[in-house]
C-alpha atoms as a PDB file:
ATOM      1  CA  MET A   1       0.304  -0.150  -0.089  1.00  0.00           C
ATOM      2  CA  PRO A   2       1.212   3.438  -0.874  1.00  0.00           C
ATOM      3  CA  GLN A   3       2.042   5.554   1.807  1.00  0.00           C
ATOM      4  CA  SER A   4       0.349   9.267   1.801  1.00  0.00           C
ATOM      5  CA  ILE A   5       2.141  12.444   1.629  1.00  0.00           C
ATOM      6  CA  THR A   6       2.058  14.799   4.321  1.00  0.00           C
ATOM      7  CA  VAL A   7       2.616  18.520   4.717  1.00  0.00           C
ATOM      8  CA  ARG A   8       2.945  20.527   7.617  1.00  0.00           C
ATOM      9  CA  PRO A   9       4.447  23.846   8.963  1.00  0.00           C
ATOM     10  CA  ALA A  10       8.704  23.280   8.520  1.00  0.00           C
ATOM     11  CA  THR A  11      11.005  23.469  11.566  1.00  0.00           C
ATOM     12  CA  LEU A  12      14.905  23.599  12.184  1.00  0.00           C
ATOM     13  CA  ALA A  13      14.648  19.980  12.795  1.00  0.00           C
ATOM     14  CA  ASP A  14      13.617  19.622   8.672  1.00  0.00           C
ATOM     15  CA  VAL A  15      16.621  21.319   7.792  1.00  0.00           C
ATOM     16  CA  PRO A  16      18.861  17.989   6.987  1.00  0.00           C
ATOM     17  CA  GLY A  17      15.976  16.666   4.934  1.00  0.00           C
ATOM     18  CA  ILE A  18      15.625  20.029   2.658  1.00  0.00           C
ATOM     19  CA  ARG A  19      19.130  20.152   2.566  1.00  0.00           C
ATOM     20  CA  GLU A  20      19.147  16.520   0.688  1.00  0.00           C
ATOM     21  CA  ILE A  21      16.459  17.435  -1.645  1.00  0.00           C
ATOM     22  CA  HIS A  22      19.133  20.253  -2.836  1.00  0.00           C
ATOM     23  CA  ASP A  23      21.870  18.124  -2.910  1.00  0.00           C
ATOM     24  CA  GLN A  24      23.084  18.423  -6.485  1.00  0.00           C
ATOM     25  CA  ALA A  25      21.831  22.005  -6.673  1.00  0.00           C
ATOM     26  CA  GLU A  26      23.821  25.181  -6.456  1.00  0.00           C
ATOM     27  CA  ASP A  27      21.884  27.050  -4.091  1.00  0.00           C
ATOM     28  CA  PRO A  28      22.310  27.883  -0.464  1.00  0.00           C
ATOM     29  CA  TRP A  29      19.762  25.223   0.300  1.00  0.00           C
ATOM     30  CA  ALA A  30      22.606  22.649  -0.732  1.00  0.00           C
ATOM     31  CA  ASP A  31      24.953  23.238   1.715  1.00  0.00           C
ATOM     32  CA  ILE A  32      24.118  22.131   5.975  1.00  0.00           C
ATOM     33  CA  ALA A  33      25.436  25.627   7.195  1.00  0.00           C
ATOM     34  CA  GLU A  34      23.611  27.927   4.505  1.00  0.00           C
ATOM     35  CA  CYS A  35      20.100  25.693   4.965  1.00  0.00           C
ATOM     36  CA  ALA A  36      19.871  25.940   8.677  1.00  0.00           C
ATOM     37  CA  ILE A  37      20.612  29.662   8.261  1.00  0.00           C
ATOM     38  CA  TRP A  38      18.141  30.437   5.854  1.00  0.00           C
ATOM     39  CA  THR A  39      15.687  28.264   6.989  1.00  0.00           C
ATOM     40  CA  ASN A  40      15.967  29.873  10.553  1.00  0.00           C
ATOM     41  CA  HIS A  41      15.969  33.487   9.083  1.00  0.00           C
ATOM     42  CA  ARG A  42      13.169  32.925   7.118  1.00  0.00           C
ATOM     43  CA  LEU A  43      11.212  31.059   9.640  1.00  0.00           C
ATOM     44  CA  LEU A  44      11.995  34.035  12.005  1.00  0.00           C
ATOM     45  CA  THR A  45      11.014  36.919   9.219  1.00  0.00           C
ATOM     46  CA  GLY A  46       7.694  35.769   8.520  1.00  0.00           C
ATOM     47  CA  PHE A  47       8.005  33.272   5.357  1.00  0.00           C
ATOM     48  CA  LEU A  48       5.691  30.672   5.453  1.00  0.00           C
ATOM     49  CA  ILE A  49       7.455  26.771   4.653  1.00  0.00           C
ATOM     50  CA  ASP A  50       6.118  23.637   4.542  1.00  0.00           C
ATOM     51  CA  VAL A  51       7.634  20.419   3.972  1.00  0.00           C
ATOM     52  CA  ALA A  52       5.943  16.920   2.111  1.00  0.00           C
ATOM     53  CA  THR A  53       6.861  13.840   3.978  1.00  0.00           C
ATOM     54  CA  VAL A  54       5.920  10.235   3.147  1.00  0.00           C
ATOM     55  CA  GLY A  55       6.670   8.053   6.364  1.00  0.00           C
ATOM     56  CA  GLY A  56       8.558  10.630   8.150  1.00  0.00           C
ATOM     57  CA  LYS A  57      10.928  11.261   5.361  1.00  0.00           C
ATOM     58  CA  VAL A  58      10.963  15.125   3.600  1.00  0.00           C
ATOM     59  CA  VAL A  59      10.213  14.695   0.213  1.00  0.00           C
ATOM     60  CA  GLY A  60       9.811  18.633  -0.916  1.00  0.00           C
ATOM     61  CA  HIS A  61       9.229  21.612   0.587  1.00  0.00           C
ATOM     62  CA  ALA A  62       7.848  25.121  -0.281  1.00  0.00           C
ATOM     63  CA  GLU A  63       8.449  28.410   0.686  1.00  0.00           C
ATOM     64  CA  TRP A  64       6.315  32.089   0.363  1.00  0.00           C
ATOM     65  CA  ILE A  65       5.944  35.251   2.271  1.00  0.00           C
ATOM     66  CA  ALA A  66       2.096  36.849   2.279  1.00  0.00           C
ATOM     67  CA  SER A  67       2.163  40.641   2.233  1.00  0.00           C
ATOM     68  CA  ASP A  68      -0.367  43.138   1.207  1.00  0.00           C
ATOM     69  CA  GLU A  69       1.886  44.349  -1.957  1.00  0.00           C
ATOM     70  CA  PRO A  70      -0.561  45.369  -4.664  1.00  0.00           C
ATOM     71  CA  GLU A  71      -0.924  43.531  -7.644  1.00  0.00           C
ATOM     72  CA  PRO A  72       0.571  41.770  -9.719  1.00  0.00           C
ATOM     73  CA  PHE A  73       2.650  40.335  -7.375  1.00  0.00           C
ATOM     74  CA  GLY A  74       0.436  40.444  -4.081  1.00  0.00           C
END
């Protein structure tokens, strides 16, 4: 039976899983220290970060920031 995907708010405990997703990327998420710094900073400044998990393993993540910026970007 296939396991279901769960989406939930990310925490700093998810940093290793987020980093693993970006293992081959050339971005701040690919380095464990940078990933921790970026994740912590974004969580503290109001970004919304969710992770998708399957069987407790992080398999995806998304982030955005809610704002009252006018169209077309808000």
